[in-house]
Each structure stands twice: as structure tokens, then as C-alpha cells.
Protein backbone atom coordinates (compact mmCIF):
# COMPACT_ATOMS: atom_id res chain seq x y z
CA MET A 1 -101.48 -193.80 -68.03
CA GLY A 2 -102.54 -193.49 -71.47
CA HIS A 3 -104.13 -190.31 -69.83
CA ARG A 4 -101.05 -189.55 -67.95
CA ALA A 5 -98.57 -189.61 -70.39
CA SER A 6 -101.53 -187.40 -72.73
CA ARG A 7 -100.96 -184.71 -69.71
CA THR A 8 -97.43 -184.92 -69.00
CA ALA A 9 -97.20 -184.21 -73.20
CA VAL A 10 -99.34 -180.92 -72.89
CA ILE A 11 -97.57 -179.77 -69.94
CA LEU A 12 -94.05 -180.21 -71.30
CA ALA A 13 -95.01 -179.05 -75.33
CA LEU A 14 -96.77 -175.53 -72.96
CA THR A 15 -92.99 -175.64 -71.25
CA ALA A 16 -91.57 -175.43 -74.45
CA ALA A 17 -93.21 -172.97 -76.10
CA ILE A 18 -92.73 -171.05 -73.06
CA ALA A 19 -89.13 -171.14 -72.91
CA SER A 20 -89.11 -171.10 -76.84
CA CYS A 21 -90.61 -167.51 -76.13
CA SER A 22 -88.92 -166.20 -72.83
CA GLY A 23 -87.58 -162.70 -72.59
CA ILE A 24 -85.20 -161.18 -70.32
CA ASN A 25 -85.40 -162.31 -66.64
CA GLY A 26 -87.43 -165.51 -67.74
CA ARG A 27 -90.47 -163.14 -68.66
CA VAL A 28 -92.84 -163.84 -71.05
CA GLU A 29 -95.21 -160.83 -72.45
CA ARG A 30 -99.13 -161.73 -73.10
CA GLY A 31 -99.29 -162.89 -77.30
CA ASP A 32 -95.80 -164.84 -76.97
CA VAL A 33 -97.58 -168.16 -76.18
CA ASP A 34 -100.38 -168.80 -78.02
CA TYR A 35 -102.49 -170.02 -74.95
CA GLU A 36 -105.53 -170.56 -76.87
CA ASN A 37 -104.55 -174.20 -77.59
CA PHE A 38 -104.77 -175.05 -74.04
CA THR A 39 -107.84 -175.82 -71.51
CA ALA A 40 -107.93 -173.69 -68.64
CA GLN A 41 -107.09 -177.02 -66.48
CA GLN A 42 -103.55 -177.10 -68.66
CA ILE A 43 -102.25 -173.50 -68.00
CA PHE A 44 -103.27 -174.06 -64.11
CA GLU A 45 -100.80 -176.64 -64.20
CA ARG A 46 -98.55 -174.88 -65.92
CA GLY A 47 -98.70 -172.00 -63.86
CA GLU A 48 -98.38 -174.46 -60.70
CA PHE A 49 -95.11 -176.25 -63.00
CA ASP A 50 -93.86 -172.79 -62.55
CA LEU A 51 -94.68 -171.91 -59.43
CA ALA A 52 -93.06 -175.64 -58.18
CA SER A 53 -90.16 -174.32 -60.80
CA ASN A 54 -89.26 -171.53 -58.76
CA LYS A 55 -90.26 -169.21 -61.62
CA PRO A 56 -93.34 -166.99 -60.25
CA ALA A 57 -93.46 -164.75 -63.01
CA LEU A 58 -94.20 -167.48 -65.63
CA ALA A 59 -96.46 -168.61 -62.97
CA ALA A 60 -98.49 -165.27 -62.95
CA GLN A 61 -98.67 -164.91 -67.01
CA SER A 62 -100.17 -168.24 -66.74
CA PHE A 63 -102.50 -167.69 -64.46
CA ALA A 64 -103.57 -164.48 -65.80
CA GLU A 65 -104.36 -166.33 -69.28
CA ILE A 66 -106.89 -168.23 -67.30
CA GLU A 67 -108.92 -165.01 -65.76
CA ARG A 68 -108.52 -163.47 -69.62
CA LEU A 69 -109.35 -167.31 -72.37
CA TYR A 70 -111.70 -168.69 -69.68
CA PRO A 71 -113.54 -165.85 -67.24
CA TYR A 72 -116.59 -168.17 -66.52
CA SER A 73 -114.25 -171.16 -65.92
CA ASP A 74 -114.43 -173.06 -62.47
CA LEU A 75 -110.37 -172.44 -62.60
CA THR A 76 -110.68 -168.47 -62.92
CA LYS A 77 -111.41 -167.67 -59.37
CA ARG A 78 -108.32 -170.09 -58.07
CA ALA A 79 -106.59 -168.20 -60.71
CA VAL A 80 -106.94 -164.82 -59.59
CA ILE A 81 -105.54 -165.47 -55.87
CA MET A 82 -102.43 -167.75 -57.49
CA GLN A 83 -101.70 -164.49 -59.64
CA ALA A 84 -101.85 -162.40 -56.63
CA TYR A 85 -99.43 -165.28 -54.48
CA ALA A 86 -97.05 -165.63 -57.62
CA TYR A 87 -96.28 -161.38 -58.67
CA HIS A 88 -95.93 -161.54 -54.44
CA ARG A 89 -93.25 -164.40 -54.53
CA ASP A 90 -91.67 -162.39 -57.98
CA ALA A 91 -91.82 -158.87 -55.48
CA ASP A 92 -94.54 -157.59 -57.74
CA TYR A 93 -96.21 -156.24 -55.14
CA GLU A 94 -97.95 -153.90 -57.40
CA ALA A 95 -99.24 -156.42 -59.41
CA SER A 96 -100.33 -158.31 -56.61
CA ARG A 97 -101.93 -155.91 -55.01
CA SER A 98 -104.53 -155.59 -58.26
CA ALA A 99 -104.79 -159.09 -58.27
CA ALA A 100 -105.88 -159.67 -54.74
CA GLN A 101 -108.30 -156.61 -54.82
CA ARG A 102 -109.89 -157.64 -58.07
CA TYR A 103 -110.58 -160.97 -55.75
CA ILE A 104 -111.61 -159.22 -53.13
CA ASP A 105 -113.80 -157.10 -55.51
CA PHE A 106 -115.12 -159.95 -57.46
CA TYR A 107 -115.75 -162.77 -54.35
CA PRO A 108 -115.91 -160.89 -51.10
CA THR A 109 -117.72 -164.00 -49.17
CA ASP A 110 -115.46 -167.10 -50.80
CA GLU A 111 -113.33 -168.35 -48.22
CA ASP A 112 -110.31 -167.37 -49.80
CA ALA A 113 -110.80 -163.53 -49.88
CA ALA A 114 -109.61 -163.09 -46.28
CA TYR A 115 -106.23 -164.78 -47.61
CA ALA A 116 -106.17 -162.39 -50.79
CA GLN A 117 -106.53 -159.72 -48.02
CA TYR A 118 -103.57 -160.38 -46.32
CA LEU A 119 -101.75 -161.26 -49.83
CA LEU A 120 -102.82 -157.26 -50.16
CA ALA A 121 -101.26 -156.18 -47.25
CA LEU A 122 -98.19 -157.98 -47.58
CA SER A 123 -97.76 -155.95 -51.19
CA TYR A 124 -97.38 -153.01 -48.59
CA TYR A 125 -95.67 -154.09 -45.18
CA ASP A 126 -92.75 -156.41 -47.40
CA GLN A 127 -91.76 -152.86 -48.73
CA ILE A 128 -91.06 -151.30 -45.13
CA ASP A 129 -87.10 -151.93 -44.82
CA GLU A 130 -85.77 -148.76 -44.03
CA VAL A 131 -86.88 -146.42 -40.82
CA GLY A 132 -85.49 -143.56 -42.89
CA ARG A 133 -87.58 -144.28 -45.99
CA ASP A 134 -90.80 -142.20 -46.36
CA GLN A 135 -93.59 -144.07 -44.33
CA GLY A 136 -96.33 -143.86 -46.58
CA LEU A 137 -96.04 -147.70 -47.31
CA THR A 138 -96.06 -148.04 -43.49
CA PHE A 139 -99.57 -146.49 -42.89
CA GLN A 140 -101.11 -148.45 -45.87
CA ALA A 141 -99.50 -151.41 -44.40
CA LEU A 142 -101.58 -150.83 -41.40
CA GLN A 143 -104.97 -150.05 -43.00
CA ALA A 144 -104.53 -153.40 -45.30
CA LEU A 145 -103.62 -155.33 -42.09
CA ARG A 146 -106.57 -153.72 -39.97
CA ARG A 147 -109.02 -154.95 -42.15
CA VAL A 148 -108.10 -158.25 -41.89
CA ILE A 149 -107.97 -158.38 -38.27
CA GLU A 150 -111.32 -156.20 -38.40
CA VAL A 151 -112.73 -157.97 -41.25
CA TYR A 152 -111.93 -162.12 -41.23
CA PRO A 153 -111.34 -162.16 -37.59
CA GLU A 154 -111.79 -165.98 -37.17
CA SER A 155 -109.52 -166.56 -40.51
CA GLU A 156 -105.88 -168.06 -39.71
CA TYR A 157 -104.56 -164.83 -40.93
CA ALA A 158 -105.41 -162.55 -38.40
CA ARG A 159 -103.33 -163.58 -35.54
CA THR A 160 -100.12 -163.42 -38.38
CA ALA A 161 -101.81 -159.57 -39.40
CA MET A 162 -101.87 -158.87 -35.97
CA LEU A 163 -97.99 -159.76 -35.47
CA LYS A 164 -97.14 -157.47 -38.39
CA PHE A 165 -99.91 -154.96 -38.06
CA ASP A 166 -97.83 -154.16 -34.60
CA LEU A 167 -94.03 -154.55 -35.56
CA ALA A 168 -95.58 -151.77 -38.57
CA PHE A 169 -97.01 -149.63 -35.75
CA ASP A 170 -93.23 -149.97 -33.68
CA HIS A 171 -91.85 -149.09 -37.56
CA LEU A 172 -93.87 -145.90 -37.46
CA ALA A 173 -92.73 -144.54 -33.70
CA ALA A 174 -88.89 -145.60 -34.46
CA LYS A 175 -89.89 -143.45 -37.69
CA GLU A 176 -90.35 -140.31 -35.30
CA MET A 177 -87.89 -141.16 -33.01
CA GLU A 178 -85.25 -141.26 -35.48
CA VAL A 179 -86.54 -137.40 -36.75
CA GLY A 180 -86.74 -136.16 -32.94
CA ARG A 181 -82.82 -137.73 -32.25
CA TYR A 182 -81.92 -135.84 -35.40
CA TYR A 183 -83.41 -132.50 -33.82
CA LEU A 184 -81.79 -132.98 -30.65
CA ARG A 185 -78.51 -133.61 -31.55
CA ARG A 186 -78.93 -130.15 -33.56
CA ASP A 187 -80.18 -128.30 -29.95
CA HIS A 188 -83.83 -128.05 -31.62
CA PHE A 189 -85.36 -128.77 -28.39
CA THR A 190 -88.81 -127.55 -29.30
CA SER A 191 -89.04 -129.64 -32.75
CA ALA A 192 -87.26 -132.64 -30.71
CA ILE A 193 -90.10 -132.24 -27.90
CA ASN A 194 -93.05 -132.68 -30.80
CA ARG A 195 -91.36 -135.56 -31.91
CA PHE A 196 -90.40 -137.31 -28.66
CA ARG A 197 -94.38 -136.30 -27.78
CA VAL A 198 -95.89 -137.86 -30.54
CA VAL A 199 -94.29 -141.34 -29.05
CA VAL A 200 -95.26 -140.93 -26.13
CA GLU A 201 -98.71 -139.83 -27.14
CA ASP A 202 -99.85 -142.04 -29.82
CA PHE A 203 -97.37 -145.10 -30.47
CA GLN A 204 -97.46 -145.59 -25.94
CA THR A 205 -97.90 -149.40 -26.28
CA THR A 206 -94.30 -149.35 -28.05
CA THR A 207 -90.78 -150.64 -27.33
CA HIS A 208 -89.66 -146.82 -28.16
CA THR A 209 -91.74 -145.19 -25.39
CA PRO A 210 -89.20 -145.74 -22.96
CA GLU A 211 -86.37 -143.69 -24.78
CA ALA A 212 -88.68 -141.20 -25.99
CA LEU A 213 -89.67 -140.28 -21.94
CA HIS A 214 -85.63 -140.08 -21.64
CA ARG A 215 -85.00 -138.00 -24.53
CA LEU A 216 -87.90 -135.41 -22.99
CA VAL A 217 -86.02 -135.39 -19.98
CA GLU A 218 -82.69 -134.46 -21.52
CA ALA A 219 -84.69 -131.64 -24.03
CA TYR A 220 -86.63 -130.13 -21.42
CA LEU A 221 -83.72 -129.93 -19.05
CA SER A 222 -81.87 -128.10 -21.84
CA LEU A 223 -84.62 -125.36 -22.33
CA GLY A 224 -84.72 -125.16 -18.51
CA LEU A 225 -87.86 -126.48 -17.58
CA THR A 226 -87.32 -128.73 -14.80
CA ASP A 227 -91.17 -129.42 -13.94
CA GLU A 228 -91.63 -131.36 -17.41
CA ALA A 229 -88.66 -133.05 -17.55
CA GLN A 230 -89.38 -134.20 -13.53
CA THR A 231 -93.01 -135.04 -15.00
CA ALA A 232 -91.21 -137.20 -17.66
CA GLY A 233 -88.96 -139.34 -15.24
CA ALA A 234 -91.78 -139.77 -13.25
CA ILE A 235 -93.41 -141.62 -15.73
CA LEU A 236 -90.65 -143.81 -16.74
CA GLY A 237 -90.15 -144.20 -12.96
CA TYR A 238 -94.14 -145.60 -12.81
CA ASN A 239 -93.76 -147.86 -15.64
CA PHE A 240 -90.31 -148.48 -16.71
CA ARG A 241 -88.26 -148.39 -14.05
CA SER A 242 -86.34 -151.74 -14.74
CA THR A 243 -85.08 -150.03 -18.42
CA SER A 244 -81.81 -148.34 -18.63
CA TRP A 245 -83.81 -144.90 -19.79
CA TYR A 246 -84.74 -144.94 -16.27
CA GLU A 247 -81.34 -145.23 -14.88
CA ASP A 248 -80.22 -142.51 -17.25
CA SER A 249 -83.02 -140.00 -16.23
CA TYR A 250 -82.71 -140.40 -12.82
CA GLU A 251 -79.54 -139.77 -13.47
CA LEU A 252 -79.46 -136.84 -14.89
CA LEU A 253 -82.25 -135.47 -12.49
CA THR A 254 -80.72 -136.11 -9.40
CA ARG A 255 -77.27 -134.98 -10.23
CA ARG A 256 -79.34 -131.39 -10.73
CA GLY A 257 -81.03 -131.91 -7.33
CA LEU A 258 -84.65 -133.08 -8.79
CA ALA A 259 -86.88 -135.60 -8.03
CA LEU A 260 -88.71 -138.16 -10.56
CA GLU A 261 -92.07 -136.59 -9.20
CA ALA A 262 -95.10 -134.76 -11.26
CA ARG A 263 -94.80 -131.19 -11.33
CA GLY A 264 -96.76 -128.75 -12.67
CA ASP A 265 -100.01 -128.67 -15.08
CA SER A 266 -98.36 -129.37 -18.43
CA TRP A 267 -99.54 -132.28 -20.81
CA LEU A 268 -96.79 -135.21 -19.48
CA ALA A 269 -98.33 -134.02 -16.11
CA GLN A 270 -102.13 -134.78 -17.41
CA ILE A 271 -100.71 -138.38 -18.70
CA TYR A 272 -99.07 -138.86 -15.14
CA ARG A 273 -102.60 -138.36 -13.55
CA GLN A 274 -104.18 -140.80 -15.90
CA MET A 275 -101.88 -143.35 -15.88
CA ILE A 276 -102.24 -143.12 -11.77
CA LYS A 277 -105.78 -143.89 -12.60
CA GLY A 278 -105.26 -146.58 -14.81
CA GLN A 279 -106.20 -144.74 -17.96
CA TRP A 280 -103.09 -144.53 -19.55
CA LEU A 281 -100.60 -147.74 -19.49
């Protein structure tokens, strides 16, 4: 009973010290609290307490102090991964990445290394918001998620990483579609075709492929390139007959007396031939 009371008193003392020195938004800077007066275990418990109290910034500060003051403590390794988690909870993604990367660098074979890599990937992934923004973060998220999948395939995070990888991949395709539609609306047909081609060739497993093929039908018809338009329609009919995009392309082509069939020797015709052989699905 006495030990528990003593431990509680220490936590409360550290809580009071932090509270009295809190700055804007409850954040504290190194040196605001005299952490040297507390053991690694006490500071770690303070960090856990702040996490439970929904104060991730303060928690991250405590875990960082363990790393600084007690670099050889048994708790230091755990404090680094908890930093990454607390910073991520606080939406401080750069700091979360830094802590996660340190963990991976120092403890690459540890059981929590997979989680550290997953947190690093999330620090990019959770910043992917609007299709219209720069997609550099999406590429970085894909690279980091791929590493979780390839380096830690048996970990509990691999499956979730695969799902997020697919979503991020779809996000990149959506960006190409947005730009392609922009060009198509302004009658810049060649530029539009280049964007839709990227989706068909590089993002063929995403949900955007049927629309990309339909937009190719529209763009090629506008340029008078009926062979290419018919071939795009043929691919739609072969793989995506149940979609509204196929129905729209069917109407566009048949209204002009054109069949949905592969014609000529364009890049689309090559894809169609590969698809028939089962090499492109």
C-alpha cells in the first residue's frame, strides 16, 4: 500500500510540474520540467498517463526525455516507439517519422520494428487528403507501406498495409483521372489521352480503369481516330461490360455505326491482344 501511494505521489508531482510549466496548447519544451529528479520508470508512467488523458504532445515529451536521460535503460527502446505513437496521435507526423526511423535504425530485428515501419508509413498516409494536392506524400506512403509488406510479411500490420497500399494506389490513379478530365473539358485531347493511358497501363487494377477507357473513347472519337476508340470500347466490353462506362461507350460508338472491336495496331490494340491471352486483366 505504501509503495503504491508513493508511486502515485510521484506521478502527481510530475503532473503538477508539467502542468505548471505548460505553454500554448499544453505543449512543454525540454527544460521546463526537471525530469532529472525522476526515474525512467516514473517518466514512462507519466507518458502513459498523458496518453490515457488524451495529451499526446505531453506524452511524447516524457518519452523523449527517457531517451535523452536514460539512453541505456531497459525502457529506452520502448520509449522510442511510444514517442512515434504519441507524436502520430498529436498529428506531428514529421516527429513521428523521425522517432519511428530511429527505432528501425537502432532495433531493426526487434519485435516492434514492424510496428515502427507501419507508423512511419502512416505518417505519410494520414496526410493524403485531397486528390487535387501534390501527390509526393502518396508516393512516399506507397514506398513505406510496400516495405511493411515485403520486410514484415508475417506481421499483424502487413494485411492492413496492403489495404492502405491499394487505397493509396487508387488515389494516384484518381489524380491522373482528374487531370485527364481537365484536359478533356478544354478539348486538349492529346494531353487527356496521355493521362488516361497512364491509368490504363499503370493503374489497371484500380477502380478508375473503366472510366479511363470510356474517356479514351470520347477523346479518340473527338480526334477522328475511330480504330483507337473502337479498341478502347472492345476492352471495356471484355472486362467491364457490367459498368455504366461500357454502356456510355456502347452508345457513343454504335450511334456512329461503329462496333466495339479491336482494330489497328495502336497501344490499345496491343493491350487487347495481351488481355485475350490472359496476360492483362
